[in-house]
PDB file of all heavy atoms in Angstrom:
ATOM      1  N   LYS A   1     -80.235 -49.179  83.177  1.00  0.00           N
ATOM      2  CA  LYS A   1     -79.070 -48.715  83.893  1.00  0.00           C
ATOM      3  C   LYS A   1     -77.970 -48.363  82.948  1.00  0.00           C
ATOM      4  O   LYS A   1     -77.780 -49.032  81.929  1.00  0.00           O
ATOM      5  CB  LYS A   1     -78.613 -49.801  84.857  1.00  0.00           C
ATOM      6  CG  LYS A   1     -79.536 -50.135  85.942  1.00  0.00           C
ATOM      7  CD  LYS A   1     -78.990 -51.149  86.921  1.00  0.00           C
ATOM      8  CE  LYS A   1     -79.971 -51.470  87.995  1.00  0.00           C
ATOM      9  NZ  LYS A   1     -79.469 -52.370  89.011  1.00  0.00           N
ATOM     10  N   LEU A   2     -77.244 -47.298  83.261  1.00  0.00           N
ATOM     11  CA  LEU A   2     -76.076 -46.923  82.508  1.00  0.00           C
ATOM     12  C   LEU A   2     -74.927 -47.846  82.877  1.00  0.00           C
ATOM     13  O   LEU A   2     -74.674 -48.091  84.043  1.00  0.00           O
ATOM     14  CB  LEU A   2     -75.669 -45.437  82.749  1.00  0.00           C
ATOM     15  CG  LEU A   2     -76.578 -44.375  82.210  1.00  0.00           C
ATOM     16  CD1 LEU A   2     -76.134 -42.990  82.727  1.00  0.00           C
ATOM     17  CD2 LEU A   2     -76.587 -44.409  80.658  1.00  0.00           C
ATOM     18  N   THR A   3     -74.146 -48.247  81.908  1.00  0.00           N
ATOM     19  CA  THR A   3     -72.874 -48.943  82.159  1.00  0.00           C
ATOM     20  C   THR A   3     -71.873 -47.856  82.506  1.00  0.00           C
ATOM     21  O   THR A   3     -72.114 -46.675  82.402  1.00  0.00           O
ATOM     22  CB  THR A   3     -72.433 -49.687  80.904  1.00  0.00           C
ATOM     23  OG1 THR A   3     -72.168 -48.767  79.891  1.00  0.00           O
ATOM     24  CG2 THR A   3     -73.453 -50.785  80.490  1.00  0.00           C
ATOM     25  N   GLU A   4     -70.723 -48.299  82.933  1.00  0.00           N
ATOM     26  CA  GLU A   4     -69.619 -47.312  83.179  1.00  0.00           C
ATOM     27  C   GLU A   4     -69.292 -46.532  81.916  1.00  0.00           C
ATOM     28  O   GLU A   4     -69.120 -45.309  81.967  1.00  0.00           O
ATOM     29  CB  GLU A   4     -68.345 -48.020  83.769  1.00  0.00           C
ATOM     30  CG  GLU A   4     -68.469 -48.443  85.227  1.00  0.00           C
ATOM     31  CD  GLU A   4     -68.825 -47.269  86.110  1.00  0.00           C
ATOM     32  OE1 GLU A   4     -68.220 -46.188  86.006  1.00  0.00           O
ATOM     33  OE2 GLU A   4     -69.748 -47.438  86.971  1.00  0.00           O
ATOM     34  N   LYS A   5     -69.286 -47.274  80.822  1.00  0.00           N
ATOM     35  CA  LYS A   5     -69.005 -46.614  79.556  1.00  0.00           C
ATOM     36  C   LYS A   5     -70.160 -45.609  79.240  1.00  0.00           C
ATOM     37  O   LYS A   5     -69.904 -44.507  78.733  1.00  0.00           O
ATOM     38  CB  LYS A   5     -68.907 -47.659  78.402  1.00  0.00           C
ATOM     39  CG  LYS A   5     -68.612 -47.119  77.079  1.00  0.00           C
ATOM     40  CD  LYS A   5     -68.531 -48.243  76.035  1.00  0.00           C
ATOM     41  CE  LYS A   5     -68.321 -47.715  74.648  1.00  0.00           C
ATOM     42  NZ  LYS A   5     -68.355 -48.782  73.639  1.00  0.00           N
ATOM     43  N   GLY A   6     -71.356 -45.987  79.552  1.00  0.00           N
ATOM     44  CA  GLY A   6     -72.514 -45.086  79.371  1.00  0.00           C
ATOM     45  C   GLY A   6     -72.419 -43.822  80.217  1.00  0.00           C
ATOM     46  O   GLY A   6     -72.765 -42.748  79.761  1.00  0.00           O
ATOM     47  N   LYS A   7     -72.038 -44.028  81.480  1.00  0.00           N
ATOM     48  CA  LYS A   7     -71.915 -42.818  82.377  1.00  0.00           C
ATOM     49  C   LYS A   7     -70.816 -41.906  81.848  1.00  0.00           C
ATOM     50  O   LYS A   7     -70.989 -40.699  81.847  1.00  0.00           O
ATOM     51  CB  LYS A   7     -71.529 -43.280  83.800  1.00  0.00           C
ATOM     52  CG  LYS A   7     -72.605 -43.960  84.512  1.00  0.00           C
ATOM     53  CD  LYS A   7     -72.157 -44.463  85.869  1.00  0.00           C
ATOM     54  CE  LYS A   7     -73.158 -45.388  86.518  1.00  0.00           C
ATOM     55  NZ  LYS A   7     -72.696 -46.020  87.734  1.00  0.00           N
ATOM     56  N   GLU A   8     -69.728 -42.471  81.385  1.00  0.00           N
ATOM     57  CA  GLU A   8     -68.618 -41.665  80.851  1.00  0.00           C
ATOM     58  C   GLU A   8     -69.105 -40.889  79.616  1.00  0.00           C
ATOM     59  O   GLU A   8     -68.824 -39.727  79.476  1.00  0.00           O
ATOM     60  CB  GLU A   8     -67.417 -42.573  80.508  1.00  0.00           C
ATOM     61  CG  GLU A   8     -66.225 -41.820  80.033  1.00  0.00           C
ATOM     62  CD  GLU A   8     -65.065 -42.771  79.742  1.00  0.00           C
ATOM     63  OE1 GLU A   8     -64.808 -43.732  80.557  1.00  0.00           O
ATOM     64  OE2 GLU A   8     -64.429 -42.604  78.696  1.00  0.00           O
ATOM     65  N   GLU A   9     -69.771 -41.592  78.714  1.00  0.00           N
ATOM     66  CA  GLU A   9     -70.239 -40.951  77.481  1.00  0.00           C
ATOM     67  C   GLU A   9     -71.263 -39.860  77.804  1.00  0.00           C
ATOM     68  O   GLU A   9     -71.211 -38.719  77.254  1.00  0.00           O
ATOM     69  CB  GLU A   9     -70.864 -41.988  76.566  1.00  0.00           C
ATOM     70  CG  GLU A   9     -71.183 -41.473  75.212  1.00  0.00           C
ATOM     71  CD  GLU A   9     -69.953 -41.052  74.381  1.00  0.00           C
ATOM     72  OE1 GLU A   9     -68.907 -41.624  74.559  1.00  0.00           O
ATOM     73  OE2 GLU A   9     -70.094 -40.134  73.585  1.00  0.00           O
ATOM     74  N   ALA A  10     -72.208 -40.134  78.754  1.00  0.00           N
ATOM     75  CA  ALA A  10     -73.175 -39.102  79.119  1.00  0.00           C
ATOM     76  C   ALA A  10     -72.495 -37.883  79.734  1.00  0.00           C
ATOM     77  O   ALA A  10     -72.880 -36.747  79.437  1.00  0.00           O
ATOM     78  CB  ALA A  10     -74.190 -39.729  80.109  1.00  0.00           C
ATOM     79  N   THR A  11     -71.494 -38.132  80.575  1.00  0.00           N
ATOM     80  CA  THR A  11     -70.729 -36.995  81.168  1.00  0.00           C
ATOM     81  C   THR A  11     -70.062 -36.162  80.067  1.00  0.00           C
ATOM     82  O   THR A  11     -70.067 -34.955  80.139  1.00  0.00           O
ATOM     83  CB  THR A  11     -69.736 -37.515  82.183  1.00  0.00           C
ATOM     84  OG1 THR A  11     -70.420 -38.309  83.179  1.00  0.00           O
ATOM     85  CG2 THR A  11     -68.929 -36.429  82.827  1.00  0.00           C
ATOM     86  N   ASN A  12     -69.466 -36.856  79.068  1.00  0.00           N
ATOM     87  CA  ASN A  12     -68.842 -36.160  78.017  1.00  0.00           C
ATOM     88  C   ASN A  12     -69.821 -35.334  77.152  1.00  0.00           C
ATOM     89  O   ASN A  12     -69.456 -34.215  76.746  1.00  0.00           O
ATOM     90  CB  ASN A  12     -68.061 -37.123  77.071  1.00  0.00           C
ATOM     91  CG  ASN A  12     -66.808 -37.720  77.728  1.00  0.00           C
ATOM     92  OD1 ASN A  12     -66.234 -37.092  78.649  1.00  0.00           O
ATOM     93  ND2 ASN A  12     -66.398 -38.861  77.282  1.00  0.00           N
ATOM     94  N   ILE A  13     -71.001 -35.832  76.956  1.00  0.00           N
ATOM     95  CA  ILE A  13     -72.005 -35.128  76.218  1.00  0.00           C
ATOM     96  C   ILE A  13     -72.415 -33.824  76.963  1.00  0.00           C
ATOM     97  O   ILE A  13     -72.510 -32.755  76.383  1.00  0.00           O
ATOM     98  CB  ILE A  13     -73.257 -36.017  75.936  1.00  0.00           C
ATOM     99  CG1 ILE A  13     -72.897 -37.108  74.984  1.00  0.00           C
ATOM    100  CG2 ILE A  13     -74.447 -35.210  75.454  1.00  0.00           C
ATOM    101  CD1 ILE A  13     -73.889 -38.262  74.958  1.00  0.00           C
ATOM    102  N   ILE A  14     -72.576 -33.999  78.308  1.00  0.00           N
ATOM    103  CA  ILE A  14     -72.953 -32.812  79.127  1.00  0.00           C
ATOM    104  C   ILE A  14     -71.835 -31.827  79.152  1.00  0.00           C
ATOM    105  O   ILE A  14     -72.054 -30.577  78.976  1.00  0.00           O
ATOM    106  CB  ILE A  14     -73.337 -33.264  80.523  1.00  0.00           C
ATOM    107  CG1 ILE A  14     -74.611 -34.086  80.492  1.00  0.00           C
ATOM    108  CG2 ILE A  14     -73.458 -32.073  81.494  1.00  0.00           C
ATOM    109  CD1 ILE A  14     -74.941 -34.846  81.752  1.00  0.00           C
ATOM    110  N   LYS A  15     -70.599 -32.281  79.226  1.00  0.00           N
ATOM    111  CA  LYS A  15     -69.433 -31.379  79.235  1.00  0.00           C
ATOM    112  C   LYS A  15     -69.380 -30.599  77.895  1.00  0.00           C
ATOM    113  O   LYS A  15     -69.174 -29.374  77.884  1.00  0.00           O
ATOM    114  CB  LYS A  15     -68.128 -32.110  79.475  1.00  0.00           C
ATOM    115  CG  LYS A  15     -66.905 -31.243  79.356  1.00  0.00           C
ATOM    116  CD  LYS A  15     -65.604 -32.012  79.402  1.00  0.00           C
ATOM    117  CE  LYS A  15     -64.464 -31.075  79.181  1.00  0.00           C
ATOM    118  NZ  LYS A  15     -63.263 -31.715  78.774  1.00  0.00           N
ATOM    119  N   LYS A  16     -69.512 -31.349  76.819  1.00  0.00           N
ATOM    120  CA  LYS A  16     -69.465 -30.739  75.495  1.00  0.00           C
ATOM    121  C   LYS A  16     -70.473 -29.597  75.372  1.00  0.00           C
ATOM    122  O   LYS A  16     -70.218 -28.495  74.924  1.00  0.00           O
ATOM    123  CB  LYS A  16     -69.663 -31.802  74.406  1.00  0.00           C
ATOM    124  CG  LYS A  16     -69.457 -31.253  73.003  1.00  0.00           C
ATOM    125  CD  LYS A  16     -69.728 -32.393  71.978  1.00  0.00           C
ATOM    126  CE  LYS A  16     -68.491 -33.262  71.716  1.00  0.00           C
ATOM    127  NZ  LYS A  16     -68.658 -34.091  70.501  1.00  0.00           N
ATOM    128  N   HIS A  17     -71.705 -29.908  75.776  1.00  0.00           N
ATOM    129  CA  HIS A  17     -72.821 -28.913  75.764  1.00  0.00           C
ATOM    130  C   HIS A  17     -72.492 -27.721  76.582  1.00  0.00           C
ATOM    131  O   HIS A  17     -72.607 -26.545  76.116  1.00  0.00           O
ATOM    132  CB  HIS A  17     -74.144 -29.604  76.212  1.00  0.00           C
ATOM    133  CG  HIS A  17     -75.230 -28.598  76.270  1.00  0.00           C
ATOM    134  ND1 HIS A  17     -76.060 -28.258  75.216  1.00  0.00           N
ATOM    135  CD2 HIS A  17     -75.662 -27.881  77.320  1.00  0.00           C
ATOM    136  CE1 HIS A  17     -76.929 -27.386  75.538  1.00  0.00           C
ATOM    137  NE2 HIS A  17     -76.726 -27.118  76.887  1.00  0.00           N
ATOM    138  N   ASN A  18     -72.019 -27.944  77.801  1.00  0.00           N
ATOM    139  CA  ASN A  18     -71.753 -26.828  78.726  1.00  0.00           C
ATOM    140  C   ASN A  18     -70.572 -25.965  78.310  1.00  0.00           C
ATOM    141  O   ASN A  18     -70.588 -24.736  78.456  1.00  0.00           O
ATOM    142  CB  ASN A  18     -71.503 -27.401  80.135  1.00  0.00           C
ATOM    143  CG  ASN A  18     -72.777 -27.914  80.717  1.00  0.00           C
ATOM    144  OD1 ASN A  18     -73.903 -27.571  80.354  1.00  0.00           O
ATOM    145  ND2 ASN A  18     -72.621 -28.771  81.714  1.00  0.00           N
ATOM    146  N   VAL A  19     -69.598 -26.588  77.708  1.00  0.00           N
ATOM    147  CA  VAL A  19     -68.425 -25.813  77.234  1.00  0.00           C
ATOM    148  C   VAL A  19     -68.874 -24.932  76.067  1.00  0.00           C
ATOM    149  O   VAL A  19     -68.555 -23.717  76.008  1.00  0.00           O
ATOM    150  CB  VAL A  19     -67.242 -26.711  76.791  1.00  0.00           C
ATOM    151  CG1 VAL A  19     -66.222 -25.943  75.957  1.00  0.00           C
ATOM    152  CG2 VAL A  19     -66.583 -27.333  78.034  1.00  0.00           C
ATOM    153  N   LEU A  20     -69.599 -25.490  75.119  1.00  0.00           N
ATOM    154  CA  LEU A  20     -70.101 -24.731  74.007  1.00  0.00           C
ATOM    155  C   LEU A  20     -71.064 -23.565  74.447  1.00  0.00           C
ATOM    156  O   LEU A  20     -70.897 -22.480  73.986  1.00  0.00           O
ATOM    157  CB  LEU A  20     -70.813 -25.590  72.972  1.00  0.00           C
ATOM    158  CG  LEU A  20     -69.936 -26.567  72.239  1.00  0.00           C
ATOM    159  CD1 LEU A  20     -70.760 -27.649  71.520  1.00  0.00           C
ATOM    160  CD2 LEU A  20     -68.971 -25.870  71.330  1.00  0.00           C
ATOM    161  N   LYS A  21     -71.913 -23.899  75.351  1.00  0.00           N
ATOM    162  CA  LYS A  21     -72.813 -22.836  75.910  1.00  0.00           C
ATOM    163  C   LYS A  21     -72.016 -21.734  76.591  1.00  0.00           C
ATOM    164  O   LYS A  21     -72.307 -20.534  76.422  1.00  0.00           O
ATOM    165  CB  LYS A  21     -73.840 -23.465  76.837  1.00  0.00           C
ATOM    166  CG  LYS A  21     -74.874 -22.473  77.336  1.00  0.00           C
ATOM    167  CD  LYS A  21     -75.903 -23.205  78.222  1.00  0.00           C
ATOM    168  CE  LYS A  21     -76.860 -22.208  78.850  1.00  0.00           C
ATOM    169  NZ  LYS A  21     -77.793 -22.858  79.736  1.00  0.00           N
ATOM    170  N   ALA A  22     -71.033 -22.170  77.428  1.00  0.00           N
ATOM    171  CA  ALA A  22     -70.214 -21.204  78.128  1.00  0.00           C
ATOM    172  C   ALA A  22     -69.441 -20.289  77.081  1.00  0.00           C
ATOM    173  O   ALA A  22     -69.389 -19.079  77.261  1.00  0.00           O
ATOM    174  CB  ALA A  22     -69.191 -21.855  79.047  1.00  0.00           C
ATOM    175  N   PHE A  23     -68.935 -20.869  76.002  1.00  0.00           N
ATOM    176  CA  PHE A  23     -68.258 -20.116  74.990  1.00  0.00           C
ATOM    177  C   PHE A  23     -69.184 -19.067  74.353  1.00  0.00           C
ATOM    178  O   PHE A  23     -68.866 -17.938  74.225  1.00  0.00           O
ATOM    179  CB  PHE A  23     -67.674 -21.043  73.926  1.00  0.00           C
ATOM    180  CG  PHE A  23     -66.968 -20.318  72.815  1.00  0.00           C
ATOM    181  CD1 PHE A  23     -65.616 -19.962  72.968  1.00  0.00           C
ATOM    182  CD2 PHE A  23     -67.624 -19.964  71.642  1.00  0.00           C
ATOM    183  CE1 PHE A  23     -64.927 -19.288  71.985  1.00  0.00           C
ATOM    184  CE2 PHE A  23     -66.933 -19.317  70.661  1.00  0.00           C
ATOM    185  CZ  PHE A  23     -65.611 -18.931  70.796  1.00  0.00           C
ATOM    186  N   LEU A  24     -70.351 -19.532  74.012  1.00  0.00           N
ATOM    187  CA  LEU A  24     -71.347 -18.643  73.395  1.00  0.00           C
ATOM    188  C   LEU A  24     -71.747 -17.469  74.322  1.00  0.00           C
ATOM    189  O   LEU A  24     -71.854 -16.370  73.875  1.00  0.00           O
ATOM    190  CB  LEU A  24     -72.574 -19.419  72.949  1.00  0.00           C
ATOM    191  CG  LEU A  24     -72.373 -20.429  71.836  1.00  0.00           C
ATOM    192  CD1 LEU A  24     -73.554 -21.380  71.670  1.00  0.00           C
ATOM    193  CD2 LEU A  24     -72.054 -19.750  70.486  1.00  0.00           C
ATOM    194  N   ILE A  25     -71.953 -17.813  75.548  1.00  0.00           N
ATOM    195  CA  ILE A  25     -72.340 -16.771  76.469  1.00  0.00           C
ATOM    196  C   ILE A  25     -71.224 -15.884  76.947  1.00  0.00           C
ATOM    197  O   ILE A  25     -71.264 -14.654  76.834  1.00  0.00           O
ATOM    198  CB  ILE A  25     -73.037 -17.411  77.746  1.00  0.00           C
ATOM    199  CG1 ILE A  25     -74.355 -18.066  77.374  1.00  0.00           C
ATOM    200  CG2 ILE A  25     -73.198 -16.382  78.868  1.00  0.00           C
ATOM    201  CD1 ILE A  25     -74.970 -18.894  78.444  1.00  0.00           C
ATOM    202  N   GLN A  26     -70.100 -16.537  77.429  1.00  0.00           N
ATOM    203  CA  GLN A  26     -69.001 -15.740  77.974  1.00  0.00           C
ATOM    204  C   GLN A  26     -68.143 -15.033  76.948  1.00  0.00           C
ATOM    205  O   GLN A  26     -67.703 -13.926  77.237  1.00  0.00           O
ATOM    206  CB  GLN A  26     -68.098 -16.692  78.810  1.00  0.00           C
ATOM    207  CG  GLN A  26     -68.803 -17.453  79.872  1.00  0.00           C
ATOM    208  CD  GLN A  26     -69.466 -16.589  80.930  1.00  0.00           C
ATOM    209  OE1 GLN A  26     -69.101 -15.435  81.166  1.00  0.00           O
ATOM    210  NE2 GLN A  26     -70.471 -17.068  81.545  1.00  0.00           N
ATOM    211  N   ILE A  27     -67.902 -15.615  75.835  1.00  0.00           N
ATOM    212  CA  ILE A  27     -67.022 -15.036  74.817  1.00  0.00           C
ATOM    213  C   ILE A  27     -67.769 -14.246  73.784  1.00  0.00           C
ATOM    214  O   ILE A  27     -67.410 -13.135  73.455  1.00  0.00           O
ATOM    215  CB  ILE A  27     -66.117 -16.092  74.159  1.00  0.00           C
ATOM    216  CG1 ILE A  27     -65.381 -16.910  75.216  1.00  0.00           C
ATOM    217  CG2 ILE A  27     -65.199 -15.475  73.171  1.00  0.00           C
ATOM    218  CD1 ILE A  27     -64.439 -16.135  76.124  1.00  0.00           C
ATOM    219  N   LEU A  28     -68.842 -14.810  73.292  1.00  0.00           N
ATOM    220  CA  LEU A  28     -69.578 -14.107  72.236  1.00  0.00           C
ATOM    221  C   LEU A  28     -70.802 -13.343  72.694  1.00  0.00           C
ATOM    222  O   LEU A  28     -71.456 -12.699  71.899  1.00  0.00           O
ATOM    223  CB  LEU A  28     -70.095 -15.173  71.184  1.00  0.00           C
ATOM    224  CG  LEU A  28     -68.971 -16.036  70.553  1.00  0.00           C
ATOM    225  CD1 LEU A  28     -69.597 -16.997  69.581  1.00  0.00           C
ATOM    226  CD2 LEU A  28     -67.941 -15.144  69.882  1.00  0.00           C
ATOM    227  N   ASN A  29     -71.079 -13.351  74.003  1.00  0.00           N
ATOM    228  CA  ASN A  29     -72.194 -12.597  74.551  1.00  0.00           C
ATOM    229  C   ASN A  29     -73.556 -12.987  73.967  1.00  0.00           C
ATOM    230  O   ASN A  29     -74.394 -12.095  73.814  1.00  0.00           O
ATOM    231  CB  ASN A  29     -71.940 -11.052  74.519  1.00  0.00           C
ATOM    232  CG  ASN A  29     -70.746 -10.651  75.356  1.00  0.00           C
ATOM    233  OD1 ASN A  29     -70.644 -11.119  76.473  1.00  0.00           O
ATOM    234  ND2 ASN A  29     -69.934  -9.795  74.832  1.00  0.00           N
ATOM    235  N   VAL A  30     -73.772 -14.205  73.623  1.00  0.00           N
ATOM    236  CA  VAL A  30     -75.020 -14.702  73.107  1.00  0.00           C
ATOM    237  C   VAL A  30     -75.963 -14.823  74.331  1.00  0.00           C
ATOM    238  O   VAL A  30     -75.498 -15.238  75.437  1.00  0.00           O
ATOM    239  CB  VAL A  30     -74.817 -16.052  72.399  1.00  0.00           C
ATOM    240  CG1 VAL A  30     -76.172 -16.678  72.024  1.00  0.00           C
ATOM    241  CG2 VAL A  30     -73.917 -15.906  71.183  1.00  0.00           C
ATOM    242  N   ASN A  31     -77.229 -14.492  74.167  1.00  0.00           N
ATOM    243  CA  ASN A  31     -78.137 -14.647  75.292  1.00  0.00           C
ATOM    244  C   ASN A  31     -78.298 -16.104  75.699  1.00  0.00           C
ATOM    245  O   ASN A  31     -78.110 -17.025  74.851  1.00  0.00           O
ATOM    246  CB  ASN A  31     -79.468 -13.899  75.062  1.00  0.00           C
ATOM    247  CG  ASN A  31     -80.341 -14.629  74.064  1.00  0.00           C
ATOM    248  OD1 ASN A  31     -80.687 -15.849  74.203  1.00  0.00           O
ATOM    249  ND2 ASN A  31     -80.756 -13.963  73.014  1.00  0.00           N
ATOM    250  N   ASN A  32     -78.719 -16.319  76.923  1.00  0.00           N
ATOM    251  CA  ASN A  32     -78.764 -17.662  77.476  1.00  0.00           C
ATOM    252  C   ASN A  32     -79.701 -18.654  76.674  1.00  0.00           C
ATOM    253  O   ASN A  32     -79.290 -19.766  76.391  1.00  0.00           O
ATOM    254  CB  ASN A  32     -79.253 -17.632  78.927  1.00  0.00           C
ATOM    255  CG  ASN A  32     -79.106 -18.961  79.642  1.00  0.00           C
ATOM    256  OD1 ASN A  32     -78.020 -19.509  79.719  1.00  0.00           O
ATOM    257  ND2 ASN A  32     -80.227 -19.423  80.130  1.00  0.00           N
TER     258      ASN A  32
END
């Protein structure tokens, strides 16, 4: 089971990935 701290950290990891991916796709026009 994830602790609250674990859930928060997992959410941050997903956010970091998604923001970077969005930047690459939306701003730099990198393919998916």
